């Protein structure tokens, strides 16, 4: 950035966003049930 910069933070939105801290979301096109997807998560990214 160059020149004068002005930044503002909407503290109401910032504080409301904190309610989502630590929550994970999954999007998949698999036919597995949600419990199977979540149960298999620890193994993702590991080579076989």
PDB file of N, CA and C in Angstrom:
ATOM      1  N   UNK A   1       0.850  -1.165   0.000  1.00  0.00           N
ATOM      2  CA  UNK A   1       0.000   0.000   0.000  1.00  0.00           C
ATOM      3  C   UNK A   1       0.895   1.228   0.000  1.00  0.00           C
ATOM      4  N   UNK A   2       0.408   2.204  -0.645  1.00  0.00           N
ATOM      5  CA  UNK A   2       1.138   3.468  -0.676  1.00  0.00           C
ATOM      6  C   UNK A   2       0.190   4.600  -0.323  1.00  0.00           C
ATOM      7  N   UNK A   3       0.743   5.659   0.194  1.00  0.00           N
ATOM      8  CA  UNK A   3      -0.075   6.814   0.530  1.00  0.00           C
ATOM      9  C   UNK A   3      -0.809   6.626   1.843  1.00  0.00           C
ATOM     10  N   UNK A   4      -1.758   7.491   2.061  1.00  0.00           N
ATOM     11  CA  UNK A   4      -2.527   7.458   3.305  1.00  0.00           C
ATOM     12  C   UNK A   4      -3.532   6.320   3.270  1.00  0.00           C
ATOM     13  N   UNK A   5      -3.560   5.548   4.340  1.00  0.00           N
ATOM     14  CA  UNK A   5      -4.462   4.404   4.438  1.00  0.00           C
ATOM     15  C   UNK A   5      -5.282   4.544   5.706  1.00  0.00           C
ATOM     16  N   UNK A   6      -6.578   4.300   5.586  1.00  0.00           N
ATOM     17  CA  UNK A   6      -7.458   4.352   6.738  1.00  0.00           C
ATOM     18  C   UNK A   6      -8.107   2.982   6.908  1.00  0.00           C
ATOM     19  N   UNK A   7      -8.020   2.456   8.102  1.00  0.00           N
ATOM     20  CA  UNK A   7      -8.588   1.145   8.384  1.00  0.00           C
ATOM     21  C   UNK A   7      -9.557   1.280   9.555  1.00  0.00           C
ATOM     22  N   UNK A   8     -10.698   0.623   9.430  1.00  0.00           N
ATOM     23  CA  UNK A   8     -11.635   0.599  10.545  1.00  0.00           C
ATOM     24  C   UNK A   8     -12.133  -0.825  10.729  1.00  0.00           C
ATOM     25  N   UNK A   9     -12.445  -1.170  11.951  1.00  0.00           N
ATOM     26  CA  UNK A   9     -12.940  -2.500  12.280  1.00  0.00           C
ATOM     27  C   UNK A   9     -14.306  -2.352  12.925  1.00  0.00           C
ATOM     28  N   UNK A  10     -15.273  -3.072  12.365  1.00  0.00           N
ATOM     29  CA  UNK A  10     -16.616  -3.105  12.944  1.00  0.00           C
ATOM     30  C   UNK A  10     -16.558  -4.075  14.119  1.00  0.00           C
ATOM     31  N   UNK A  11     -16.420  -3.562  15.329  1.00  0.00           N
ATOM     32  CA  UNK A  11     -16.232  -4.400  16.506  1.00  0.00           C
ATOM     33  C   UNK A  11     -17.424  -5.315  16.787  1.00  0.00           C
ATOM     34  N   UNK A  12     -18.625  -4.905  16.406  1.00  0.00           N
ATOM     35  CA  UNK A  12     -19.794  -5.768  16.587  1.00  0.00           C
ATOM     36  C   UNK A  12     -19.644  -7.023  15.750  1.00  0.00           C
ATOM     37  N   UNK A  13     -19.248  -6.864  14.479  1.00  0.00           N
ATOM     38  CA  UNK A  13     -19.035  -8.021  13.606  1.00  0.00           C
ATOM     39  C   UNK A  13     -17.832  -8.837  14.071  1.00  0.00           C
ATOM     40  N   UNK A  14     -16.788  -8.173  14.497  1.00  0.00           N
ATOM     41  CA  UNK A  14     -15.587  -8.842  14.979  1.00  0.00           C
ATOM     42  C   UNK A  14     -15.916  -9.734  16.174  1.00  0.00           C
ATOM     43  N   UNK A  15     -16.667  -9.222  17.116  1.00  0.00           N
ATOM     44  CA  UNK A  15     -17.029  -9.984  18.302  1.00  0.00           C
ATOM     45  C   UNK A  15     -18.004 -11.120  17.966  1.00  0.00           C
ATOM     46  N   UNK A  16     -18.933 -10.884  17.041  1.00  0.00           N
ATOM     47  CA  UNK A  16     -19.879 -11.925  16.638  1.00  0.00           C
ATOM     48  C   UNK A  16     -19.143 -13.070  15.946  1.00  0.00           C
ATOM     49  N   UNK A  17     -18.105 -12.757  15.198  1.00  0.00           N
ATOM     50  CA  UNK A  17     -17.324 -13.769  14.492  1.00  0.00           C
ATOM     51  C   UNK A  17     -16.629 -14.719  15.467  1.00  0.00           C
ATOM     52  N   UNK A  18     -16.304 -14.261  16.651  1.00  0.00           N
ATOM     53  CA  UNK A  18     -15.616 -15.090  17.640  1.00  0.00           C
ATOM     54  C   UNK A  18     -16.436 -16.321  18.024  1.00  0.00           C
ATOM     55  N   UNK A  19     -17.739 -16.271  17.847  1.00  0.00           N
ATOM     56  CA  UNK A  19     -18.590 -17.415  18.169  1.00  0.00           C
ATOM     57  C   UNK A  19     -18.251 -18.626  17.300  1.00  0.00           C
ATOM     58  N   UNK A  20     -17.632 -18.396  16.146  1.00  0.00           N
ATOM     59  CA  UNK A  20     -17.298 -19.466  15.211  1.00  0.00           C
ATOM     60  C   UNK A  20     -15.864 -19.968  15.374  1.00  0.00           C
ATOM     61  N   UNK A  21     -15.090 -19.405  16.274  1.00  0.00           N
ATOM     62  CA  UNK A  21     -13.700 -19.827  16.472  1.00  0.00           C
ATOM     63  C   UNK A  21     -13.643 -21.301  16.837  1.00  0.00           C
ATOM     64  N   UNK A  22     -12.793 -22.043  16.146  1.00  0.00           N
ATOM     65  CA  UNK A  22     -12.583 -23.452  16.448  1.00  0.00           C
ATOM     66  C   UNK A  22     -13.556 -24.405  15.789  1.00  0.00           C
ATOM     67  N   UNK A  23     -14.530 -23.895  15.056  1.00  0.00           N
ATOM     68  CA  UNK A  23     -15.508 -24.766  14.403  1.00  0.00           C
ATOM     69  C   UNK A  23     -14.962 -25.187  13.043  1.00  0.00           C
ATOM     70  N   UNK A  24     -15.083 -26.469  12.735  1.00  0.00           N
ATOM     71  CA  UNK A  24     -14.636 -26.998  11.452  1.00  0.00           C
ATOM     72  C   UNK A  24     -15.850 -27.240  10.560  1.00  0.00           C
ATOM     73  N   UNK A  25     -15.634 -27.138   9.273  1.00  0.00           N
ATOM     74  CA  UNK A  25     -16.677 -27.470   8.314  1.00  0.00           C
ATOM     75  C   UNK A  25     -16.133 -28.432   7.285  1.00  0.00           C
ATOM     76  N   UNK A  26     -16.970 -29.290   6.777  1.00  0.00           N
ATOM     77  CA  UNK A  26     -16.573 -30.266   5.777  1.00  0.00           C
ATOM     78  C   UNK A  26     -17.495 -30.143   4.573  1.00  0.00           C
ATOM     79  N   UNK A  27     -16.905 -30.151   3.388  1.00  0.00           N
ATOM     80  CA  UNK A  27     -17.671 -30.212   2.149  1.00  0.00           C
ATOM     81  C   UNK A  27     -17.103 -31.386   1.370  1.00  0.00           C
ATOM     82  N   UNK A  28     -17.968 -32.293   0.956  1.00  0.00           N
ATOM     83  CA  UNK A  28     -17.489 -33.483   0.256  1.00  0.00           C
ATOM     84  C   UNK A  28     -18.518 -33.933  -0.773  1.00  0.00           C
ATOM     85  N   UNK A  29     -18.031 -34.660  -1.766  1.00  0.00           N
ATOM     86  CA  UNK A  29     -18.943 -35.229  -2.759  1.00  0.00           C
ATOM     87  C   UNK A  29     -19.010 -36.755  -2.600  1.00  0.00           C
ATOM     88  N   UNK A  30     -18.560 -37.266  -1.482  1.00  0.00           N
ATOM     89  CA  UNK A  30     -18.570 -38.699  -1.226  1.00  0.00           C
ATOM     90  C   UNK A  30     -19.967 -39.188  -0.866  1.00  0.00           C
ATOM     91  N   UNK A  31     -20.171 -40.470  -0.993  1.00  0.00           N
ATOM     92  CA  UNK A  31     -21.435 -41.069  -0.592  1.00  0.00           C
ATOM     93  C   UNK A  31     -21.436 -41.507   0.861  1.00  0.00           C
ATOM     94  N   UNK A  32     -20.330 -41.223   1.573  1.00  0.00           N
ATOM     95  CA  UNK A  32     -20.237 -41.611   2.979  1.00  0.00           C
ATOM     96  C   UNK A  32     -21.200 -40.799   3.839  1.00  0.00           C
ATOM     97  N   UNK A  33     -21.585 -41.393   4.953  1.00  0.00           N
ATOM     98  CA  UNK A  33     -22.417 -40.655   5.905  1.00  0.00           C
ATOM     99  C   UNK A  33     -21.566 -39.591   6.584  1.00  0.00           C
ATOM    100  N   UNK A  34     -22.213 -38.625   7.213  1.00  0.00           N
ATOM    101  CA  UNK A  34     -21.456 -37.567   7.905  1.00  0.00           C
ATOM    102  C   UNK A  34     -20.577 -38.156   9.000  1.00  0.00           C
ATOM    103  N   UNK A  35     -21.074 -39.183   9.688  1.00  0.00           N
ATOM    104  CA  UNK A  35     -20.276 -39.802  10.752  1.00  0.00           C
ATOM    105  C   UNK A  35     -19.037 -40.502  10.185  1.00  0.00           C
ATOM    106  N   UNK A  36     -19.170 -41.138   9.016  1.00  0.00           N
ATOM    107  CA  UNK A  36     -18.020 -41.788   8.389  1.00  0.00           C
ATOM    108  C   UNK A  36     -17.000 -40.761   7.909  1.00  0.00           C
ATOM    109  N   UNK A  37     -17.470 -39.662   7.365  1.00  0.00           N
ATOM    110  CA  UNK A  37     -16.558 -38.608   6.917  1.00  0.00           C
ATOM    111  C   UNK A  37     -15.767 -38.071   8.101  1.00  0.00           C
ATOM    112  N   UNK A  38     -16.458 -37.727   9.174  1.00  0.00           N
ATOM    113  CA  UNK A  38     -15.790 -37.189  10.360  1.00  0.00           C
ATOM    114  C   UNK A  38     -14.872 -38.239  10.982  1.00  0.00           C
ATOM    115  N   UNK A  39     -15.303 -39.485  11.006  1.00  0.00           N
ATOM    116  CA  UNK A  39     -14.497 -40.562  11.574  1.00  0.00           C
ATOM    117  C   UNK A  39     -13.218 -40.834  10.797  1.00  0.00           C
ATOM    118  N   UNK A  40     -13.250 -40.564   9.488  1.00  0.00           N
ATOM    119  CA  UNK A  40     -12.072 -40.793   8.651  1.00  0.00           C
ATOM    120  C   UNK A  40     -11.149 -39.593   8.582  1.00  0.00           C
ATOM    121  N   UNK A  41     -11.545 -38.469   9.132  1.00  0.00           N
ATOM    122  CA  UNK A  41     -10.769 -37.234   9.033  1.00  0.00           C
ATOM    123  C   UNK A  41      -9.322 -37.382   9.496  1.00  0.00           C
ATOM    124  N   UNK A  42      -9.046 -38.052  10.636  1.00  0.00           N
ATOM    125  CA  UNK A  42      -7.647 -38.120  11.093  1.00  0.00           C
ATOM    126  C   UNK A  42      -6.706 -38.771  10.069  1.00  0.00           C
ATOM    127  N   UNK A  43      -7.217 -39.596   9.190  1.00  0.00           N
ATOM    128  CA  UNK A  43      -6.373 -40.279   8.216  1.00  0.00           C
ATOM    129  C   UNK A  43      -6.157 -39.507   6.922  1.00  0.00           C
ATOM    130  N   UNK A  44      -6.842 -38.406   6.740  1.00  0.00           N
ATOM    131  CA  UNK A  44      -6.709 -37.634   5.497  1.00  0.00           C
ATOM    132  C   UNK A  44      -5.293 -37.117   5.352  1.00  0.00           C
ATOM    133  N   UNK A  45      -4.779 -37.195   4.196  1.00  0.00           N
ATOM    134  CA  UNK A  45      -3.461 -36.646   3.913  1.00  0.00           C
ATOM    135  C   UNK A  45      -2.326 -37.596   4.240  1.00  0.00           C
ATOM    136  N   UNK A  46      -2.637 -38.746   4.787  1.00  0.00           N
ATOM    137  CA  UNK A  46      -1.592 -39.711   5.083  1.00  0.00           C
ATOM    138  C   UNK A  46      -1.427 -40.648   3.883  1.00  0.00           C
ATOM    139  N   UNK A  47      -0.189 -40.890   3.515  1.00  0.00           N
ATOM    140  CA  UNK A  47       0.056 -41.784   2.391  1.00  0.00           C
ATOM    141  C   UNK A  47      -0.184 -43.225   2.826  1.00  0.00           C
ATOM    142  N   UNK A  48      -0.600 -44.033   1.873  1.00  0.00           N
ATOM    143  CA  UNK A  48      -0.908 -45.440   2.179  1.00  0.00           C
ATOM    144  C   UNK A  48       0.273 -46.319   1.923  1.00  0.00           C
TER     145      UNK A  48
END
